[in-house]
Amino acid sequence: MREHTRYRRVLPHIFLLFAIFIVLFPIYVVFDASTQLNEDILSAPMPLLPGAHFIENYTRALLEGPKNLGASAFIMIKNSLIMALGISTGKIMISLLAAFAIVFFHFKGRNFCFWAIFITLMLPVEVRIMPTYKVISDLNMLNSYAGLILPMVVSATAVFLFRQFYLSIPREIAEASQIDGASPMQFFGTILVPMTQTPVAAMFVIQFIYGWNQYLWPLLITTKQDFYTLLIGINRMMSGADVQIEWQIVMATTLITMIPPVLVVIAMQNQFITGMTETEK
C-alpha cells in the first residue's frame, strides 16, 4: 500500500518535469543558436552547448539588426511596446466607460447596445480586417502608431468582464454617492475605478500579450522600417532573397521578443489570478 501511494506521489512530478522539458527545450535551442556563429548553426548537427558569441550577437541584434532588414531590435521593441501599451490601455479605458454606461445608466436600447458589442466576438478578424484597412488608408494612418493602435482598442471581452463585475456591486453604493452629491463621473472615478483594480490588472495582462503578439494587422499597414514591430521584423529577417539569412541574429531577436510578456506576467501574476478568480467584492 505504501509503494502504491509513493508511486502516486512520484508519477505526477515525473510528468510535470517531462512537460517542463518539452516546453523549455525549444527555448534553450533558440538561446543556444543565438550564441553561435551562422556557420555553426547551419552545420549538422548544431552544437548543443552555448557558444562564445553571446554579447556580440545580442549587441548587434539590439543596435544594428541583420543586413537584410535595416532595423534594430531596439527600434522594434519600442514599436511593439507602444502598440501593446496603447492597445491594452485604450481597451481598458473604453471598456470601463462602456460597462459603466450599460450598467448604471437607464436608457432605451441599453441591452441592445450591450449585445451589439458582444456579438462582435462572433466576427473573426479576417472578416473585418479589409474594411478596417480601407478606413485606416483613407484616413492616412498607414505607417503610424495611431493606425497600429486605434483599430484594436475596442474589446467586447473586456466590456463583458467589467459589466459582470459592475453588476455585482450593490446599488446602494451608487445611491449613496448620489445622496452625497457626486456626479456620475465622480462616482466612476473615485469609487468604481478603485474597486475595479484587480479586474483591470487581469485584463491588462491579457490585452498586453494580445497587443504584443499582433502579427496580421501590423503586417498589412507597416511598410516602413521605422514602424516594424518585433514579429514583423522577425518575419522580414527570414525573407531575404539575395542575402544570406543571419540565423544567430534571428534567434537573438526571437529570444528578446519573449522577454517583455514574461516580465509582465511575472510582475502581475498575483493581480491576474485574483482578478480572474475573485468573487467577493
Protein backbone atom coordinates (compact mmCIF):
# COMPACT_ATOMS: atom_id res chain seq x y z
CA MET A 1 0.00 0.00 0.00
CA ARG A 2 2.86 2.34 0.81
CA GLU A 3 4.53 1.54 -2.51
CA HIS A 4 1.31 2.34 -4.36
CA THR A 5 0.97 5.66 -2.52
CA ARG A 6 4.60 6.52 -3.24
CA TYR A 7 4.12 5.89 -6.97
CA ARG A 8 1.02 8.08 -6.98
CA ARG A 9 3.07 10.89 -5.49
CA VAL A 10 6.10 10.45 -7.74
CA LEU A 11 4.38 9.97 -11.11
CA PRO A 12 2.77 13.45 -11.28
CA HIS A 13 6.17 15.01 -10.61
CA ILE A 14 7.75 12.93 -13.37
CA PHE A 15 5.08 14.00 -15.86
CA LEU A 16 5.44 17.61 -14.72
CA LEU A 17 9.22 17.55 -15.22
CA PHE A 18 8.76 15.95 -18.63
CA ALA A 19 6.25 18.65 -19.64
CA ILE A 20 8.63 21.38 -18.45
CA PHE A 21 11.41 19.80 -20.52
CA ILE A 22 9.19 19.75 -23.63
CA VAL A 23 8.35 23.45 -23.17
CA LEU A 24 11.83 24.68 -22.28
CA PHE A 25 13.95 22.66 -24.71
CA PRO A 26 12.93 24.65 -27.85
CA ILE A 27 13.64 27.87 -25.93
CA TYR A 28 17.06 26.52 -24.98
CA VAL A 29 17.74 25.68 -28.64
CA VAL A 30 16.86 29.27 -29.60
CA PHE A 31 19.20 30.58 -26.90
CA ASP A 32 21.94 28.18 -27.96
CA ALA A 33 21.64 29.25 -31.60
CA SER A 34 21.73 32.92 -30.59
CA THR A 35 25.21 32.42 -29.12
CA GLN A 36 26.71 30.69 -32.18
CA LEU A 37 28.11 31.84 -35.50
CA ASN A 38 25.92 31.40 -38.56
CA GLU A 39 28.25 28.71 -39.90
CA ASP A 40 27.85 26.70 -36.70
CA ILE A 41 24.06 26.93 -36.87
CA LEU A 42 23.97 25.74 -40.48
CA SER A 43 26.31 22.84 -39.76
CA ALA A 44 24.78 19.47 -38.98
CA PRO A 45 24.37 18.86 -36.16
CA MET A 46 24.41 22.28 -34.49
CA PRO A 47 26.37 22.36 -31.21
CA LEU A 48 24.06 21.94 -28.23
CA LEU A 49 26.34 23.84 -25.86
CA PRO A 50 26.19 27.68 -25.85
CA GLY A 51 28.82 29.38 -27.98
CA ALA A 52 31.13 32.27 -27.20
CA HIS A 53 29.32 34.96 -29.22
CA PHE A 54 26.51 35.87 -26.81
CA ILE A 55 27.50 39.51 -26.27
CA GLU A 56 28.43 40.05 -29.91
CA ASN A 57 25.18 38.65 -31.33
CA TYR A 58 22.84 40.34 -28.85
CA THR A 59 24.62 43.68 -29.14
CA ARG A 60 24.32 43.55 -32.89
CA ALA A 61 20.68 42.45 -32.74
CA LEU A 62 19.76 45.28 -30.36
CA LEU A 63 21.72 48.08 -32.04
CA GLU A 64 22.07 47.14 -35.71
CA GLY A 65 19.90 44.23 -36.81
CA PRO A 66 20.65 41.91 -39.73
CA LYS A 67 21.88 43.20 -43.09
CA ASN A 68 18.67 42.33 -44.94
CA LEU A 69 16.39 44.31 -42.58
CA GLY A 70 17.93 47.66 -41.70
CA ALA A 71 16.05 47.96 -38.40
CA SER A 72 17.46 47.10 -34.99
CA ALA A 73 15.66 45.14 -32.29
CA PHE A 74 15.71 48.25 -30.09
CA ILE A 75 13.51 50.16 -32.58
CA MET A 76 11.17 47.18 -32.96
CA ILE A 77 10.93 46.75 -29.17
CA LYS A 78 9.92 50.41 -28.91
CA ASN A 79 7.23 49.95 -31.59
CA SER A 80 5.91 46.75 -30.03
CA LEU A 81 5.77 48.34 -26.57
CA ILE A 82 3.94 51.40 -27.87
CA MET A 83 1.45 49.20 -29.68
CA ALA A 84 0.92 46.76 -26.78
CA LEU A 85 0.60 49.51 -24.15
CA GLY A 86 -1.64 51.60 -26.41
CA ILE A 87 -3.96 48.68 -27.15
CA SER A 88 -4.16 47.47 -23.54
CA THR A 89 -4.65 50.94 -22.06
CA GLY A 90 -7.15 52.01 -24.72
CA LYS A 91 -9.20 48.83 -24.41
CA ILE A 92 -9.38 49.11 -20.63
CA MET A 93 -10.40 52.77 -20.65
CA ILE A 94 -13.08 52.37 -23.34
CA SER A 95 -14.38 49.11 -21.83
CA LEU A 96 -14.64 50.62 -18.34
CA LEU A 97 -16.69 53.54 -19.66
CA ALA A 98 -18.88 51.29 -21.83
CA ALA A 99 -19.61 48.90 -18.96
CA PHE A 100 -20.31 51.85 -16.63
CA ALA A 101 -22.85 53.30 -19.09
CA ILE A 102 -24.55 49.94 -19.72
CA VAL A 103 -24.91 49.04 -16.02
CA PHE A 104 -25.55 52.35 -14.23
CA PHE A 105 -27.48 54.36 -16.84
CA HIS A 106 -31.05 53.51 -17.79
CA PHE A 107 -31.85 54.33 -21.40
CA LYS A 108 -33.77 52.76 -24.24
CA GLY A 109 -31.79 50.16 -26.13
CA ARG A 110 -29.35 49.54 -23.29
CA ASN A 111 -29.46 45.77 -23.68
CA PHE A 112 -29.36 46.10 -27.45
CA CYS A 113 -26.16 48.14 -27.19
CA PHE A 114 -24.56 45.51 -24.97
CA TRP A 115 -25.50 42.60 -27.25
CA ALA A 116 -24.42 44.57 -30.32
CA ILE A 117 -20.99 44.90 -28.70
CA PHE A 118 -20.94 41.29 -27.54
CA ILE A 119 -21.93 39.85 -30.91
CA THR A 120 -18.76 41.25 -32.45
CA LEU A 121 -16.97 38.31 -30.80
CA MET A 122 -18.55 36.13 -33.48
CA LEU A 123 -16.82 38.06 -36.26
CA PRO A 124 -13.29 36.78 -36.89
CA VAL A 125 -10.52 39.26 -37.53
CA GLU A 126 -10.23 38.15 -41.16
CA VAL A 127 -13.83 39.23 -41.88
CA ARG A 128 -13.34 42.84 -40.79
CA ILE A 129 -9.67 43.39 -41.50
CA MET A 130 -10.03 44.62 -45.11
CA PRO A 131 -12.78 47.18 -44.34
CA THR A 132 -10.66 48.34 -41.39
CA TYR A 133 -7.63 48.64 -43.66
CA LYS A 134 -9.66 50.73 -46.12
CA VAL A 135 -10.74 53.12 -43.36
CA ILE A 136 -7.20 53.48 -41.99
CA SER A 137 -5.84 54.00 -45.50
CA ASP A 138 -8.42 56.71 -46.27
CA LEU A 139 -7.50 58.47 -43.01
CA ASN A 140 -3.78 58.40 -43.97
CA MET A 141 -2.88 56.35 -40.90
CA LEU A 142 -0.73 53.74 -42.62
CA ASN A 143 2.75 53.52 -41.12
CA SER A 144 1.72 55.29 -37.93
CA TYR A 145 1.21 54.42 -34.28
CA ALA A 146 -2.40 55.58 -34.49
CA GLY A 147 -3.02 53.13 -37.33
CA LEU A 148 -1.45 50.31 -35.33
CA ILE A 149 -3.41 51.03 -32.15
CA LEU A 150 -6.82 52.58 -32.85
CA PRO A 151 -8.48 49.68 -34.75
CA MET A 152 -7.61 47.35 -31.86
CA VAL A 153 -8.81 49.37 -28.87
CA VAL A 154 -12.40 48.06 -28.77
CA SER A 155 -12.85 44.81 -26.85
CA ALA A 156 -16.16 43.04 -26.33
CA THR A 157 -14.45 40.64 -23.91
CA ALA A 158 -13.32 43.47 -21.64
CA VAL A 159 -16.75 45.13 -21.76
CA PHE A 160 -18.37 41.84 -20.77
CA LEU A 161 -15.91 41.26 -17.90
CA PHE A 162 -16.34 44.75 -16.44
CA ARG A 163 -20.12 44.64 -16.92
CA GLN A 164 -20.32 41.43 -14.91
CA PHE A 165 -18.15 43.00 -12.20
CA TYR A 166 -20.30 46.14 -12.02
CA LEU A 167 -23.50 44.07 -11.81
CA SER A 168 -22.17 42.54 -8.59
CA ILE A 169 -21.72 45.96 -6.94
CA PRO A 170 -24.64 46.82 -4.59
CA ARG A 171 -26.89 49.56 -5.98
CA GLU A 172 -26.83 51.19 -2.53
CA ILE A 173 -23.28 52.41 -3.25
CA ALA A 174 -24.45 54.34 -6.31
CA GLU A 175 -27.45 55.70 -4.42
CA ALA A 176 -25.25 56.80 -1.51
CA SER A 177 -22.94 58.68 -3.87
CA GLN A 178 -25.93 60.44 -5.41
CA ILE A 179 -27.17 61.48 -1.96
CA ASP A 180 -23.69 62.89 -1.22
CA GLY A 181 -23.94 64.98 -4.38
CA ALA A 182 -21.37 63.12 -6.50
CA SER A 183 -21.76 63.41 -10.25
CA PRO A 184 -21.77 60.21 -12.37
CA MET A 185 -18.15 60.75 -13.42
CA GLN A 186 -17.10 61.46 -9.82
CA PHE A 187 -18.77 58.20 -8.77
CA PHE A 188 -16.99 56.44 -11.62
CA GLY A 189 -13.57 57.91 -10.91
CA THR A 190 -13.48 57.85 -7.12
CA ILE A 191 -15.47 54.70 -6.33
CA LEU A 192 -15.82 52.35 -9.28
CA VAL A 193 -12.32 52.58 -10.75
CA PRO A 194 -10.54 51.85 -7.43
CA MET A 195 -12.89 48.89 -6.86
CA THR A 196 -12.02 47.54 -10.31
CA GLN A 197 -8.25 47.40 -9.81
CA THR A 198 -7.92 43.61 -9.82
CA PRO A 199 -10.09 43.02 -12.93
CA VAL A 200 -8.20 45.86 -14.64
CA ALA A 201 -4.86 44.21 -13.78
CA ALA A 202 -6.06 40.86 -15.13
CA MET A 203 -7.36 42.46 -18.31
CA PHE A 204 -4.14 44.46 -18.73
CA VAL A 205 -2.08 41.25 -18.76
CA ILE A 206 -4.37 39.63 -21.33
CA GLN A 207 -4.55 42.66 -23.60
CA PHE A 208 -0.82 43.45 -23.35
CA ILE A 209 0.03 39.95 -24.56
CA TYR A 210 -2.68 40.27 -27.23
CA GLY A 211 -1.19 43.53 -28.48
CA TRP A 212 2.40 42.27 -28.25
CA ASN A 213 1.57 39.18 -30.34
CA GLN A 214 -0.26 41.05 -33.10
CA TYR A 215 1.04 39.96 -36.47
CA LEU A 216 -1.54 40.18 -39.27
CA TRP A 217 -2.58 43.81 -38.72
CA PRO A 218 0.95 45.28 -38.45
CA LEU A 219 1.93 43.18 -41.47
CA LEU A 220 -0.75 44.91 -43.53
CA ILE A 221 -0.22 48.53 -42.58
CA THR A 222 3.54 48.81 -41.97
CA THR A 223 5.85 49.13 -44.93
CA LYS A 224 8.44 51.45 -43.37
CA GLN A 225 11.18 50.01 -41.19
CA ASP A 226 10.65 52.71 -38.53
CA PHE A 227 7.27 51.13 -37.64
CA TYR A 228 8.16 47.44 -37.74
CA THR A 229 7.13 45.51 -34.65
CA LEU A 230 9.23 42.60 -33.43
CA LEU A 231 7.09 39.91 -35.04
CA ILE A 232 7.11 41.71 -38.38
CA GLY A 233 10.84 42.25 -38.10
CA ILE A 234 11.49 38.56 -37.46
CA ASN A 235 9.36 37.67 -40.49
CA ARG A 236 11.33 40.13 -42.67
CA MET A 237 14.64 38.76 -41.37
CA MET A 238 13.79 35.31 -42.71
CA SER A 239 12.62 36.51 -46.14
CA GLY A 240 15.92 37.71 -47.58
CA ALA A 241 16.18 36.71 -51.24
CA ASP A 242 19.70 37.77 -52.19
CA VAL A 243 21.20 38.00 -48.70
CA GLN A 244 22.04 35.01 -46.56
CA ILE A 245 19.79 34.77 -43.51
CA GLU A 246 21.74 35.53 -40.33
CA TRP A 247 20.16 32.95 -38.08
CA GLN A 248 22.11 33.96 -34.99
CA ILE A 249 20.56 37.46 -35.17
CA VAL A 250 17.11 35.99 -35.88
CA MET A 251 17.36 33.74 -32.84
CA ALA A 252 18.66 36.53 -30.61
CA THR A 253 15.76 38.76 -31.67
CA THR A 254 13.30 35.90 -31.13
CA LEU A 255 14.51 35.41 -27.57
CA ILE A 256 14.32 39.16 -26.91
CA THR A 257 10.72 39.06 -28.15
CA MET A 258 9.78 36.57 -25.42
CA ILE A 259 11.10 38.66 -22.53
CA PRO A 260 8.58 41.57 -22.11
CA PRO A 261 5.40 39.40 -21.96
CA VAL A 262 7.09 37.07 -19.49
CA LEU A 263 8.11 40.01 -17.30
CA VAL A 264 4.56 41.43 -17.37
CA VAL A 265 3.07 38.07 -16.35
CA ILE A 266 5.63 37.59 -13.56
CA ALA A 267 5.19 41.14 -12.23
CA MET A 268 1.37 40.97 -12.24
CA GLN A 269 0.68 37.29 -11.67
CA ASN A 270 -0.92 37.81 -8.24
CA GLN A 271 -3.23 40.55 -9.50
CA PHE A 272 -4.02 38.48 -12.61
CA ILE A 273 -5.02 35.40 -10.59
CA THR A 274 -7.03 37.49 -8.13
CA GLY A 275 -8.78 39.42 -10.88
CA MET A 276 -9.80 36.24 -12.72
CA THR A 277 -10.92 34.25 -9.66
CA GLU A 278 -12.14 36.76 -7.08
CA THR A 279 -15.85 36.57 -6.44
CA GLU A 280 -16.28 38.59 -3.25
CA LYS A 281 -16.38 42.33 -3.81
